[in-house]
């Protein structure tokens, strides 16, 4: 008789990657680079980072 396959171990910190991405986005907003950009450029960058943040949440 074959043993049943083991269930994957739950991630002890399922939101760790998303939390890191969010912290990086916040740090970016405080950066010298961001302070020198136009609002529309910052908005585009945050849109890109926001999509990546949502992807990380969906991978849970």
PDB file of N, CA and C in Angstrom:
ATOM      1  N   UNK A   1       0.846  -1.179   0.000  1.00  0.00           N
ATOM      2  CA  UNK A   1       0.000   0.000   0.000  1.00  0.00           C
ATOM      3  C   UNK A   1       0.889   1.239   0.000  1.00  0.00           C
ATOM      4  N   UNK A   2       0.584   2.149  -0.875  1.00  0.00           N
ATOM      5  CA  UNK A   2       1.381   3.368  -0.984  1.00  0.00           C
ATOM      6  C   UNK A   2       0.930   4.393   0.044  1.00  0.00           C
ATOM      7  N   UNK A   3       1.895   5.093   0.580  1.00  0.00           N
ATOM      8  CA  UNK A   3       1.568   6.144   1.544  1.00  0.00           C
ATOM      9  C   UNK A   3       0.960   7.329   0.796  1.00  0.00           C
ATOM     10  N   UNK A   4       0.048   7.976   1.449  1.00  0.00           N
ATOM     11  CA  UNK A   4      -0.571   9.160   0.847  1.00  0.00           C
ATOM     12  C   UNK A   4       0.485  10.257   0.720  1.00  0.00           C
ATOM     13  N   UNK A   5       0.438  11.018  -0.358  1.00  0.00           N
ATOM     14  CA  UNK A   5       1.417  12.098  -0.501  1.00  0.00           C
ATOM     15  C   UNK A   5       1.245  13.121   0.612  1.00  0.00           C
ATOM     16  N   UNK A   6       2.353  13.645   1.033  1.00  0.00           N
ATOM     17  CA  UNK A   6       2.300  14.638   2.105  1.00  0.00           C
ATOM     18  C   UNK A   6       1.813  15.973   1.550  1.00  0.00           C
ATOM     19  N   UNK A   7       1.043  16.629   2.344  1.00  0.00           N
ATOM     20  CA  UNK A   7       0.595  17.976   1.977  1.00  0.00           C
ATOM     21  C   UNK A   7       1.778  18.922   2.120  1.00  0.00           C
ATOM     22  N   UNK A   8       1.832  19.937   1.282  1.00  0.00           N
ATOM     23  CA  UNK A   8       2.935  20.890   1.416  1.00  0.00           C
ATOM     24  C   UNK A   8       2.895  21.565   2.782  1.00  0.00           C
ATOM     25  N   UNK A   9       4.061  21.845   3.293  1.00  0.00           N
ATOM     26  CA  UNK A   9       4.126  22.516   4.597  1.00  0.00           C
ATOM     27  C   UNK A   9       3.654  23.948   4.434  1.00  0.00           C
ATOM     28  N   UNK A  10       2.832  24.414   5.359  1.00  0.00           N
ATOM     29  CA  UNK A  10       2.374  25.798   5.252  1.00  0.00           C
ATOM     30  C   UNK A  10       3.538  26.761   5.455  1.00  0.00           C
ATOM     31  N   UNK A  11       3.497  27.821   4.704  1.00  0.00           N
ATOM     32  CA  UNK A  11       4.517  28.856   4.818  1.00  0.00           C
ATOM     33  C   UNK A  11       4.325  29.561   6.158  1.00  0.00           C
ATOM     34  N   UNK A  12       5.358  29.615   6.999  1.00  0.00           N
ATOM     35  CA  UNK A  12       5.198  30.260   8.308  1.00  0.00           C
ATOM     36  C   UNK A  12       4.948  31.759   8.199  1.00  0.00           C
ATOM     37  N   UNK A  13       5.315  32.345   7.097  1.00  0.00           N
ATOM     38  CA  UNK A  13       5.103  33.783   6.906  1.00  0.00           C
ATOM     39  C   UNK A  13       4.559  34.003   5.495  1.00  0.00           C
ATOM     40  N   UNK A  14       3.286  33.685   5.260  1.00  0.00           N
ATOM     41  CA  UNK A  14       2.761  33.707   3.895  1.00  0.00           C
ATOM     42  C   UNK A  14       2.788  35.075   3.236  1.00  0.00           C
ATOM     43  N   UNK A  15       2.796  36.123   4.004  1.00  0.00           N
ATOM     44  CA  UNK A  15       2.785  37.461   3.425  1.00  0.00           C
ATOM     45  C   UNK A  15       4.153  38.119   3.414  1.00  0.00           C
ATOM     46  N   UNK A  16       5.187  37.373   3.734  1.00  0.00           N
ATOM     47  CA  UNK A  16       6.525  37.962   3.844  1.00  0.00           C
ATOM     48  C   UNK A  16       6.974  38.619   2.542  1.00  0.00           C
ATOM     49  N   UNK A  17       6.790  37.958   1.410  1.00  0.00           N
ATOM     50  CA  UNK A  17       7.221  38.537   0.130  1.00  0.00           C
ATOM     51  C   UNK A  17       6.424  39.797  -0.187  1.00  0.00           C
ATOM     52  N   UNK A  18       5.122  39.778   0.076  1.00  0.00           N
ATOM     53  CA  UNK A  18       4.293  40.949  -0.182  1.00  0.00           C
ATOM     54  C   UNK A  18       4.659  42.099   0.761  1.00  0.00           C
ATOM     55  N   UNK A  19       4.920  41.770   2.021  1.00  0.00           N
ATOM     56  CA  UNK A  19       5.311  42.806   2.978  1.00  0.00           C
ATOM     57  C   UNK A  19       6.636  43.438   2.575  1.00  0.00           C
ATOM     58  N   UNK A  20       7.553  42.633   2.075  1.00  0.00           N
ATOM     59  CA  UNK A  20       8.836  43.155   1.611  1.00  0.00           C
ATOM     60  C   UNK A  20       8.629  44.083   0.424  1.00  0.00           C
ATOM     61  N   UNK A  21       7.783  43.678  -0.523  1.00  0.00           N
ATOM     62  CA  UNK A  21       7.512  44.506  -1.697  1.00  0.00           C
ATOM     63  C   UNK A  21       6.871  45.835  -1.285  1.00  0.00           C
ATOM     64  N   UNK A  22       5.968  45.790  -0.313  1.00  0.00           N
ATOM     65  CA  UNK A  22       5.329  47.018   0.165  1.00  0.00           C
ATOM     66  C   UNK A  22       6.347  47.930   0.846  1.00  0.00           C
ATOM     67  N   UNK A  23       7.216  47.360   1.666  1.00  0.00           N
ATOM     68  CA  UNK A  23       8.252  48.151   2.344  1.00  0.00           C
ATOM     69  C   UNK A  23       9.192  48.788   1.319  1.00  0.00           C
ATOM     70  N   UNK A  24       9.509  48.052   0.266  1.00  0.00           N
ATOM     71  CA  UNK A  24      10.373  48.601  -0.777  1.00  0.00           C
ATOM     72  C   UNK A  24       9.690  49.750  -1.507  1.00  0.00           C
ATOM     73  N   UNK A  25       8.387  49.638  -1.750  1.00  0.00           N
ATOM     74  CA  UNK A  25       7.643  50.720  -2.405  1.00  0.00           C
ATOM     75  C   UNK A  25       7.621  51.962  -1.515  1.00  0.00           C
ATOM     76  N   UNK A  26       7.417  51.763  -0.210  1.00  0.00           N
ATOM     77  CA  UNK A  26       7.432  52.909   0.709  1.00  0.00           C
ATOM     78  C   UNK A  26       8.809  53.559   0.742  1.00  0.00           C
ATOM     79  N   UNK A  27       9.847  52.753   0.789  1.00  0.00           N
ATOM     80  CA  UNK A  27      11.207  53.296   0.801  1.00  0.00           C
ATOM     81  C   UNK A  27      11.492  54.049  -0.495  1.00  0.00           C
ATOM     82  N   UNK A  28      11.000  53.526  -1.602  1.00  0.00           N
ATOM     83  CA  UNK A  28      11.186  54.185  -2.890  1.00  0.00           C
ATOM     84  C   UNK A  28      10.584  55.591  -2.865  1.00  0.00           C
ATOM     85  N   UNK A  29       9.377  55.723  -2.286  1.00  0.00           N
ATOM     86  CA  UNK A  29       8.729  57.031  -2.233  1.00  0.00           C
ATOM     87  C   UNK A  29       9.549  58.058  -1.459  1.00  0.00           C
ATOM     88  N   UNK A  30      10.367  57.597  -0.534  1.00  0.00           N
ATOM     89  CA  UNK A  30      11.205  58.498   0.265  1.00  0.00           C
ATOM     90  C   UNK A  30      12.578  58.717  -0.363  1.00  0.00           C
ATOM     91  N   UNK A  31      12.845  58.057  -1.453  1.00  0.00           N
ATOM     92  CA  UNK A  31      14.182  58.124  -2.050  1.00  0.00           C
ATOM     93  C   UNK A  31      14.422  59.440  -2.783  1.00  0.00           C
ATOM     94  N   UNK A  32      15.672  59.759  -2.940  1.00  0.00           N
ATOM     95  CA  UNK A  32      16.066  60.949  -3.695  1.00  0.00           C
ATOM     96  C   UNK A  32      15.569  60.845  -5.139  1.00  0.00           C
ATOM     97  N   UNK A  33      15.676  59.633  -5.693  1.00  0.00           N
ATOM     98  CA  UNK A  33      15.232  59.407  -7.071  1.00  0.00           C
ATOM     99  C   UNK A  33      13.759  59.788  -7.242  1.00  0.00           C
ATOM    100  N   UNK A  34      12.907  59.327  -6.336  1.00  0.00           N
ATOM    101  CA  UNK A  34      11.476  59.616  -6.436  1.00  0.00           C
ATOM    102  C   UNK A  34      11.190  61.099  -6.244  1.00  0.00           C
ATOM    103  N   UNK A  35      11.915  61.736  -5.356  1.00  0.00           N
ATOM    104  CA  UNK A  35      11.690  63.168  -5.113  1.00  0.00           C
ATOM    105  C   UNK A  35      12.034  64.009  -6.334  1.00  0.00           C
ATOM    106  N   UNK A  36      12.827  63.485  -7.231  1.00  0.00           N
ATOM    107  CA  UNK A  36      13.221  64.228  -8.422  1.00  0.00           C
ATOM    108  C   UNK A  36      12.328  63.915  -9.630  1.00  0.00           C
ATOM    109  N   UNK A  37      11.379  63.020  -9.464  1.00  0.00           N
ATOM    110  CA  UNK A  37      10.510  62.613 -10.571  1.00  0.00           C
ATOM    111  C   UNK A  37       9.222  63.426 -10.578  1.00  0.00           C
ATOM    112  N   UNK A  38       8.582  63.466 -11.739  1.00  0.00           N
ATOM    113  CA  UNK A  38       7.271  64.108 -11.828  1.00  0.00           C
ATOM    114  C   UNK A  38       6.232  63.193 -11.167  1.00  0.00           C
ATOM    115  N   UNK A  39       5.094  63.779 -10.833  1.00  0.00           N
ATOM    116  CA  UNK A  39       4.034  62.984 -10.214  1.00  0.00           C
ATOM    117  C   UNK A  39       3.572  61.867 -11.143  1.00  0.00           C
ATOM    118  N   UNK A  40       3.498  62.141 -12.428  1.00  0.00           N
ATOM    119  CA  UNK A  40       3.039  61.108 -13.361  1.00  0.00           C
ATOM    120  C   UNK A  40       4.046  59.960 -13.448  1.00  0.00           C
ATOM    121  N   UNK A  41       5.346  60.268 -13.378  1.00  0.00           N
ATOM    122  CA  UNK A  41       6.359  59.213 -13.391  1.00  0.00           C
ATOM    123  C   UNK A  41       6.291  58.373 -12.124  1.00  0.00           C
ATOM    124  N   UNK A  42       6.082  59.024 -10.996  1.00  0.00           N
ATOM    125  CA  UNK A  42       5.945  58.292  -9.729  1.00  0.00           C
ATOM    126  C   UNK A  42       4.702  57.406  -9.776  1.00  0.00           C
ATOM    127  N   UNK A  43       3.625  57.949 -10.326  1.00  0.00           N
ATOM    128  CA  UNK A  43       2.389  57.171 -10.425  1.00  0.00           C
ATOM    129  C   UNK A  43       2.606  55.914 -11.272  1.00  0.00           C
ATOM    130  N   UNK A  44       3.304  56.036 -12.387  1.00  0.00           N
ATOM    131  CA  UNK A  44       3.585  54.870 -13.227  1.00  0.00           C
ATOM    132  C   UNK A  44       4.436  53.839 -12.481  1.00  0.00           C
ATOM    133  N   UNK A  45       5.430  54.318 -11.744  1.00  0.00           N
ATOM    134  CA  UNK A  45       6.295  53.402 -10.990  1.00  0.00           C
ATOM    135  C   UNK A  45       5.503  52.694  -9.890  1.00  0.00           C
ATOM    136  N   UNK A  46       4.650  53.435  -9.198  1.00  0.00           N
ATOM    137  CA  UNK A  46       3.838  52.814  -8.146  1.00  0.00           C
ATOM    138  C   UNK A  46       2.808  51.846  -8.733  1.00  0.00           C
ATOM    139  N   UNK A  47       2.318  52.131  -9.922  1.00  0.00           N
ATOM    140  CA  UNK A  47       1.412  51.207 -10.591  1.00  0.00           C
ATOM    141  C   UNK A  47       2.132  49.888 -10.862  1.00  0.00           C
ATOM    142  N   UNK A  48       3.344  49.963 -11.369  1.00  0.00           N
ATOM    143  CA  UNK A  48       4.135  48.765 -11.641  1.00  0.00           C
ATOM    144  C   UNK A  48       4.395  47.988 -10.350  1.00  0.00           C
ATOM    145  N   UNK A  49       4.824  48.699  -9.319  1.00  0.00           N
ATOM    146  CA  UNK A  49       5.116  48.043  -8.040  1.00  0.00           C
ATOM    147  C   UNK A  49       3.853  47.470  -7.406  1.00  0.00           C
ATOM    148  N   UNK A  50       2.731  48.166  -7.569  1.00  0.00           N
ATOM    149  CA  UNK A  50       1.465  47.684  -7.020  1.00  0.00           C
ATOM    150  C   UNK A  50       1.011  46.384  -7.670  1.00  0.00           C
ATOM    151  N   UNK A  51       1.198  46.280  -8.986  1.00  0.00           N
ATOM    152  CA  UNK A  51       0.852  45.028  -9.663  1.00  0.00           C
ATOM    153  C   UNK A  51       1.704  43.884  -9.144  1.00  0.00           C
ATOM    154  N   UNK A  52       2.986  44.149  -8.948  1.00  0.00           N
ATOM    155  CA  UNK A  52       3.873  43.103  -8.423  1.00  0.00           C
ATOM    156  C   UNK A  52       3.462  42.715  -6.996  1.00  0.00           C
ATOM    157  N   UNK A  53       3.080  43.688  -6.213  1.00  0.00           N
ATOM    158  CA  UNK A  53       2.617  43.418  -4.848  1.00  0.00           C
ATOM    159  C   UNK A  53       1.379  42.514  -4.876  1.00  0.00           C
ATOM    160  N   UNK A  54       0.436  42.790  -5.770  1.00  0.00           N
ATOM    161  CA  UNK A  54      -0.765  41.950  -5.852  1.00  0.00           C
ATOM    162  C   UNK A  54      -0.409  40.550  -6.346  1.00  0.00           C
ATOM    163  N   UNK A  55       0.546  40.429  -7.262  1.00  0.00           N
ATOM    164  CA  UNK A  55       0.963  39.099  -7.707  1.00  0.00           C
ATOM    165  C   UNK A  55       1.500  38.282  -6.538  1.00  0.00           C
ATOM    166  N   UNK A  56       2.253  38.936  -5.686  1.00  0.00           N
ATOM    167  CA  UNK A  56       2.816  38.222  -4.537  1.00  0.00           C
ATOM    168  C   UNK A  56       1.711  37.746  -3.599  1.00  0.00           C
ATOM    169  N   UNK A  57       0.664  38.518  -3.434  1.00  0.00           N
ATOM    170  CA  UNK A  57      -0.463  38.100  -2.605  1.00  0.00           C
ATOM    171  C   UNK A  57      -1.214  36.926  -3.243  1.00  0.00           C
ATOM    172  N   UNK A  58      -1.299  36.931  -4.561  1.00  0.00           N
ATOM    173  CA  UNK A  58      -2.049  35.872  -5.244  1.00  0.00           C
ATOM    174  C   UNK A  58      -1.300  34.545  -5.233  1.00  0.00           C
ATOM    175  N   UNK A  59      -0.009  34.556  -4.965  1.00  0.00           N
ATOM    176  CA  UNK A  59       0.791  33.330  -4.955  1.00  0.00           C
ATOM    177  C   UNK A  59       0.653  32.562  -3.654  1.00  0.00           C
ATOM    178  N   UNK A  60      -0.149  33.036  -2.750  1.00  0.00           N
ATOM    179  CA  UNK A  60      -0.283  32.375  -1.445  1.00  0.00           C
ATOM    180  C   UNK A  60      -0.928  31.037  -1.570  1.00  0.00           C
TER     181      UNK A  60
END
